[in-house]
Amino acid sequence: MDTKELLKKVRKIEIKTKRLSNHIFSGEYHSSFKGRGMTFSEVRQYQYGDDIRNIDWNVTARYNEAHVKVFEEERELTMVLMVDISGSESFGSKNQFKKDIVTEIAATMAFSATQNNDKIGLILFSDTVELYIPPKKGRSHVLRIIRELIEFEPKSYKTDIAQALKFLSGTQKKKAIVFMISDFMSDSYEHTLKIASKKHDIIGVRVYDMREEKIPNLGMVSMLDSETGKIQLVDTSSKAVRMNYEKHYQEKLNYFKDTFRKSGAGIVNTRVDENYVTKLLGYFKSR
């Protein structure tokens, strides 16, 4: 993609998603997440009515008099966009690739955070972390994030959500609002999600295509596994083949739902042909 075409694409996404974030999301995002973080302010002498759980025992022992830690609401938050760029995100069946919707959702959330003067960071991952942009503020920073979402080419087409979560826990020391955008056709991330969710407010945004849920009966079909690059001949007229595929898909979906719920993380499901605005707003209002 040449520079002129890239800038045109970035501008088109900016106009669409900024309008959404300005008029719809910023208020809902603000009310859903603002004030959820607490930061240490000072230590002062204990006063009647103070929560004894906030007593600073080290200072109390030093001065032989009870002192408590004082906390205040954080005025600004940090948002981290964790975006799956593995091969399966290039799937699409209705003139719309999952990758396009993922980019729009990420851009909308980034502009919503900017409206509230919050920092935004980006993690692009496959089976490894392919790109990390540390959280910063400002329009130019958001536009850089959008450019990377559009043109970044992954070195690997496989997926490893656990590795991405480990990276998040290792780099993001301060509490963040984390939107992980993926199709979640992966597993073995229960432990790492549980650890990351203790510190961060994590929301899994599952973007999927209706054609991924079931294989239609089309006879013998050559199919490409976008994550391995292998092509194989599949007899879609076989009921057993179709049932096995549906069973595998459902197992991955159930794992995603169960794992996120057990970890206390949020869940948003949106199909590529559905209105993701409605889905995100519904989630914000339910918090």
Protein backbone atom coordinates (compact mmCIF):
# COMPACT_ATOMS: atom_id res chain seq x y z
CA MET A 1 0.00 0.00 0.00
CA ASP A 2 1.54 3.34 -1.05
CA THR A 3 1.63 6.36 1.28
CA LYS A 4 -1.19 8.24 -0.50
CA GLU A 5 -3.54 5.26 -0.32
CA LEU A 6 -2.62 4.60 3.31
CA LEU A 7 -3.30 8.22 4.35
CA LYS A 8 -6.64 8.13 2.52
CA LYS A 9 -7.62 4.96 4.42
CA VAL A 10 -6.49 6.41 7.76
CA ARG A 11 -8.49 9.59 7.12
CA LYS A 12 -11.61 7.62 6.17
CA ILE A 13 -11.41 5.54 9.37
CA GLU A 14 -10.70 8.66 11.45
CA ILE A 15 -13.80 10.48 10.13
CA LYS A 16 -16.10 7.51 10.74
CA THR A 17 -14.80 6.37 14.11
CA LYS A 18 -14.17 9.83 15.55
CA ARG A 19 -17.81 10.76 14.86
CA LEU A 20 -18.93 7.64 16.72
CA SER A 21 -16.63 8.27 19.66
CA ASN A 22 -17.57 11.97 19.89
CA HIS A 23 -21.33 11.53 19.82
CA ILE A 24 -21.91 8.09 21.26
CA PHE A 25 -19.05 6.39 23.03
CA SER A 26 -17.23 9.07 24.98
CA GLY A 27 -20.07 9.56 27.48
CA GLU A 28 -20.71 5.85 27.94
CA TYR A 29 -17.00 5.05 28.12
CA HIS A 30 -16.51 7.84 30.65
CA SER A 31 -19.31 6.70 32.96
CA SER A 32 -18.32 3.01 32.66
CA PHE A 33 -14.66 3.34 33.55
CA LYS A 34 -13.94 6.72 35.14
CA GLY A 35 -13.20 6.61 38.84
CA ARG A 36 -12.59 2.86 38.91
CA GLY A 37 -8.87 3.37 39.52
CA MET A 38 -7.47 4.57 42.85
CA THR A 39 -4.02 5.99 43.32
CA PHE A 40 -2.00 6.60 46.51
CA SER A 41 -2.01 10.23 47.62
CA GLU A 42 -0.45 10.60 51.10
CA VAL A 43 -0.07 9.23 54.65
CA ARG A 44 -1.73 11.09 57.53
CA GLN A 45 -2.64 10.50 61.18
CA TYR A 46 -5.52 8.14 61.85
CA GLN A 47 -8.86 9.86 62.48
CA TYR A 48 -12.01 8.41 63.99
CA GLY A 49 -14.03 6.69 61.27
CA ASP A 50 -11.05 5.87 58.99
CA ASP A 51 -11.00 2.40 57.45
CA ILE A 52 -8.55 0.33 59.54
CA ARG A 53 -7.65 -1.60 56.38
CA ASN A 54 -5.81 1.52 55.19
CA ILE A 55 -3.49 1.71 58.21
CA ASP A 56 0.16 1.98 57.17
CA TRP A 57 1.80 -0.27 59.75
CA ASN A 58 5.36 0.74 58.87
CA VAL A 59 4.68 4.46 59.49
CA THR A 60 2.56 3.62 62.55
CA ALA A 61 5.46 1.66 64.08
CA ARG A 62 7.94 4.43 63.31
CA TYR A 63 5.92 7.20 64.98
CA ASN A 64 4.19 4.99 67.58
CA GLU A 65 0.91 6.51 66.45
CA ALA A 66 -1.65 5.20 63.96
CA HIS A 67 -1.32 6.54 60.40
CA VAL A 68 -3.45 5.69 57.35
CA LYS A 69 -2.81 5.73 53.61
CA VAL A 70 -5.02 8.15 51.70
CA PHE A 71 -6.14 7.26 48.17
CA GLU A 72 -7.85 9.37 45.53
CA GLU A 73 -9.60 8.61 42.26
CA GLU A 74 -7.34 8.60 39.25
CA ARG A 75 -8.26 11.50 36.99
CA GLU A 76 -6.90 9.87 33.89
CA LEU A 77 -6.90 6.26 32.81
CA THR A 78 -4.80 4.14 30.50
CA MET A 79 -6.34 2.10 27.70
CA VAL A 80 -4.46 -0.75 26.04
CA LEU A 81 -5.72 -2.21 22.76
CA MET A 82 -4.63 -5.83 22.33
CA VAL A 83 -5.33 -6.78 18.73
CA ASP A 84 -5.07 -10.26 17.21
CA ILE A 85 -3.41 -10.00 13.78
CA SER A 86 -3.09 -13.76 13.12
CA GLY A 87 -4.15 -15.31 9.82
CA SER A 88 -7.73 -16.03 10.86
CA GLU A 89 -8.46 -12.29 11.12
CA SER A 90 -8.21 -12.04 7.31
CA PHE A 91 -11.34 -14.17 6.91
CA GLY A 92 -14.50 -12.60 5.48
CA SER A 93 -17.56 -13.77 3.57
CA LYS A 94 -19.69 -10.67 2.96
CA ASN A 95 -17.30 -8.13 1.41
CA GLN A 96 -16.07 -7.41 4.92
CA PHE A 97 -12.99 -8.91 6.50
CA LYS A 98 -12.80 -9.40 10.25
CA LYS A 99 -9.62 -7.31 10.19
CA ASP A 100 -11.57 -4.28 8.88
CA ILE A 101 -14.11 -4.43 11.74
CA VAL A 102 -11.32 -5.00 14.28
CA THR A 103 -9.57 -1.85 13.02
CA GLU A 104 -12.77 0.22 13.26
CA ILE A 105 -13.52 -0.99 16.80
CA ALA A 106 -9.96 -0.29 17.94
CA ALA A 107 -9.99 3.19 16.37
CA THR A 108 -13.36 4.04 17.94
CA MET A 109 -12.16 3.02 21.39
CA ALA A 110 -8.90 4.95 20.93
CA PHE A 111 -10.72 8.18 20.02
CA SER A 112 -13.12 7.64 22.95
CA ALA A 113 -10.14 7.49 25.31
CA THR A 114 -8.62 10.57 23.70
CA GLN A 115 -11.86 12.48 24.31
CA ASN A 116 -11.32 11.82 28.01
CA ASN A 117 -7.63 12.78 27.90
CA ASP A 118 -6.56 9.20 28.61
CA LYS A 119 -3.48 7.40 27.34
CA ILE A 120 -3.76 4.68 24.67
CA GLY A 121 -1.30 1.88 23.98
CA LEU A 122 -1.30 -0.88 21.35
CA ILE A 123 -0.22 -4.53 21.38
CA LEU A 124 -0.42 -6.40 18.06
CA PHE A 125 -0.04 -10.14 18.55
CA SER A 126 -0.04 -13.46 16.70
CA ASP A 127 1.68 -16.33 18.52
CA THR A 128 4.10 -13.68 19.73
CA VAL A 129 3.92 -9.94 20.34
CA GLU A 130 4.62 -8.42 16.92
CA LEU A 131 4.39 -4.73 17.84
CA TYR A 132 4.12 -2.72 21.04
CA ILE A 133 3.33 1.00 21.17
CA PRO A 134 3.52 2.29 24.77
CA PRO A 135 0.53 4.32 26.04
CA LYS A 136 0.55 8.01 25.13
CA LYS A 137 -1.97 10.79 24.58
CA GLY A 138 -2.97 12.81 21.53
CA ARG A 139 -4.47 12.66 18.06
CA SER A 140 -1.15 12.05 16.27
CA HIS A 141 -0.54 9.05 18.56
CA VAL A 142 -4.00 7.63 17.75
CA LEU A 143 -3.40 8.12 14.02
CA ARG A 144 -0.13 6.19 14.32
CA ILE A 145 -2.05 3.35 15.98
CA ILE A 146 -4.60 3.35 13.13
CA ARG A 147 -1.80 3.29 10.53
CA GLU A 148 -0.26 0.25 12.19
CA LEU A 149 -3.63 -1.51 12.38
CA ILE A 150 -4.11 -0.98 8.63
CA GLU A 151 -0.71 -1.79 7.20
CA PHE A 152 1.19 -3.95 9.70
CA GLU A 153 2.09 -7.35 8.25
CA PRO A 154 2.54 -10.11 10.85
CA LYS A 155 5.58 -12.36 10.74
CA SER A 156 3.48 -15.28 12.00
CA TYR A 157 -0.10 -16.27 11.19
CA LYS A 158 -0.66 -18.41 14.29
CA THR A 159 -2.30 -17.33 17.57
CA ASP A 160 -1.15 -17.50 21.19
CA ILE A 161 -3.31 -15.40 23.51
CA ALA A 162 -1.39 -16.54 26.60
CA GLN A 163 1.86 -15.01 25.28
CA ALA A 164 0.12 -11.68 24.64
CA LEU A 165 -1.32 -11.64 28.18
CA LYS A 166 2.10 -12.44 29.68
CA PHE A 167 3.53 -9.49 27.78
CA LEU A 168 0.73 -7.24 29.06
CA SER A 169 1.39 -8.25 32.67
CA GLY A 170 5.12 -7.72 32.24
CA THR A 171 4.97 -4.27 30.62
CA GLN A 172 1.84 -2.60 32.00
CA LYS A 173 2.53 -2.07 35.70
CA LYS A 174 -0.22 0.52 36.21
CA LYS A 175 -3.87 -0.57 36.08
CA ALA A 176 -5.32 -0.27 32.58
CA ILE A 177 -8.56 -0.78 30.68
CA VAL A 178 -7.68 -3.51 28.20
CA PHE A 179 -9.72 -4.27 25.08
CA MET A 180 -8.56 -7.58 23.64
CA ILE A 181 -9.99 -7.85 20.11
CA SER A 182 -9.82 -11.30 18.52
CA ASP A 183 -11.90 -14.22 17.22
CA PHE A 184 -10.57 -16.19 20.23
CA MET A 185 -10.09 -19.38 18.23
CA SER A 186 -7.39 -20.33 20.71
CA ASP A 187 -7.12 -21.92 24.15
CA SER A 188 -4.71 -22.51 27.04
CA TYR A 189 -4.85 -18.92 28.31
CA GLU A 190 -6.96 -19.44 31.44
CA HIS A 191 -4.05 -19.02 33.90
CA THR A 192 -2.51 -15.93 32.26
CA LEU A 193 -5.93 -14.25 31.93
CA LYS A 194 -6.65 -14.85 35.61
CA ILE A 195 -3.35 -13.18 36.59
CA ALA A 196 -3.81 -10.21 34.23
CA SER A 197 -7.45 -9.68 35.31
CA LYS A 198 -6.40 -9.20 38.93
CA LYS A 199 -4.60 -6.00 37.95
CA HIS A 200 -6.38 -4.82 34.80
CA ASP A 201 -9.95 -4.27 33.64
CA ILE A 202 -10.05 -6.66 30.65
CA ILE A 203 -12.78 -6.88 28.02
CA GLY A 204 -12.71 -9.57 25.35
CA VAL A 205 -14.27 -8.32 22.09
CA ARG A 206 -14.95 -11.37 19.91
CA VAL A 207 -15.27 -10.53 16.21
CA TYR A 208 -16.52 -13.39 14.05
CA ASP A 209 -18.10 -14.24 10.69
CA MET A 210 -21.32 -16.25 10.35
CA ARG A 211 -19.59 -18.57 7.84
CA GLU A 212 -17.16 -19.67 10.56
CA GLU A 213 -19.93 -21.15 12.71
CA LYS A 214 -21.02 -23.82 10.23
CA ILE A 215 -19.69 -25.33 7.01
CA PRO A 216 -22.31 -25.37 4.24
CA ASN A 217 -22.79 -28.50 2.13
CA LEU A 218 -20.77 -27.64 -0.99
CA GLY A 219 -19.33 -31.07 -1.83
CA MET A 220 -15.54 -31.42 -2.21
CA VAL A 221 -13.88 -28.10 -1.41
CA SER A 222 -10.25 -26.99 -1.19
CA MET A 223 -9.80 -25.15 2.12
CA LEU A 224 -6.91 -23.00 3.28
CA ASP A 225 -5.97 -22.93 6.96
CA SER A 226 -5.06 -19.25 7.29
CA GLU A 227 -2.92 -19.89 10.40
CA THR A 228 -0.83 -22.76 9.00
CA GLY A 229 -0.97 -21.97 5.27
CA LYS A 230 -1.93 -25.57 4.47
CA ILE A 231 -4.53 -26.39 1.82
CA GLN A 232 -6.57 -29.55 2.11
CA LEU A 233 -9.49 -31.12 0.31
CA VAL A 234 -12.58 -31.32 2.52
CA ASP A 235 -15.75 -33.28 1.80
CA THR A 236 -18.36 -30.82 3.07
CA SER A 237 -21.16 -33.14 1.96
CA SER A 238 -20.18 -35.43 4.85
CA LYS A 239 -22.42 -34.87 7.86
CA ALA A 240 -19.67 -36.17 10.16
CA VAL A 241 -17.19 -33.61 8.79
CA ARG A 242 -19.64 -30.75 9.29
CA MET A 243 -20.53 -31.91 12.81
CA ASN A 244 -16.86 -32.26 13.81
CA TYR A 245 -16.17 -28.74 12.56
CA GLU A 246 -19.15 -27.31 14.49
CA LYS A 247 -18.09 -29.23 17.61
CA HIS A 248 -14.55 -27.82 17.39
CA TYR A 249 -15.85 -24.28 16.86
CA GLN A 250 -18.28 -24.57 19.79
CA GLU A 251 -15.55 -25.88 22.09
CA LYS A 252 -13.37 -22.82 21.37
CA LEU A 253 -16.35 -20.50 21.88
CA ASN A 254 -17.33 -22.12 25.19
CA TYR A 255 -13.73 -21.97 26.40
CA PHE A 256 -13.62 -18.23 25.65
CA LYS A 257 -16.90 -17.52 27.45
CA ASP A 258 -16.14 -19.70 30.51
CA THR A 259 -12.55 -18.49 30.89
CA PHE A 260 -13.42 -14.80 30.69
CA ARG A 261 -16.36 -15.13 33.09
CA LYS A 262 -14.32 -17.08 35.65
CA SER A 263 -11.62 -14.40 35.51
CA GLY A 264 -14.15 -11.60 36.01
CA ALA A 265 -13.36 -10.15 32.57
CA GLY A 266 -15.95 -8.58 30.28
CA ILE A 267 -17.32 -10.12 27.07
CA VAL A 268 -18.61 -8.50 23.86
CA ASN A 269 -19.62 -10.61 20.86
CA THR A 270 -20.08 -8.95 17.46
CA ARG A 271 -20.49 -10.53 14.01
CA VAL A 272 -18.92 -8.73 11.04
CA ASP A 273 -22.35 -8.03 9.51
CA GLU A 274 -23.79 -6.72 12.81
CA ASN A 275 -23.64 -3.21 14.25
CA TYR A 276 -20.68 -3.26 16.65
CA VAL A 277 -21.77 0.15 17.99
CA THR A 278 -24.93 -1.38 19.46
CA LYS A 279 -22.97 -4.25 20.99
CA LEU A 280 -20.37 -2.01 22.65
CA LEU A 281 -22.96 0.45 23.93
CA GLY A 282 -24.97 -2.43 25.38
CA TYR A 283 -21.88 -3.61 27.24
CA PHE A 284 -21.04 -0.16 28.62
CA LYS A 285 -24.58 0.38 29.86
CA SER A 286 -24.64 -3.01 31.59
CA ARG A 287 -21.49 -2.32 33.64
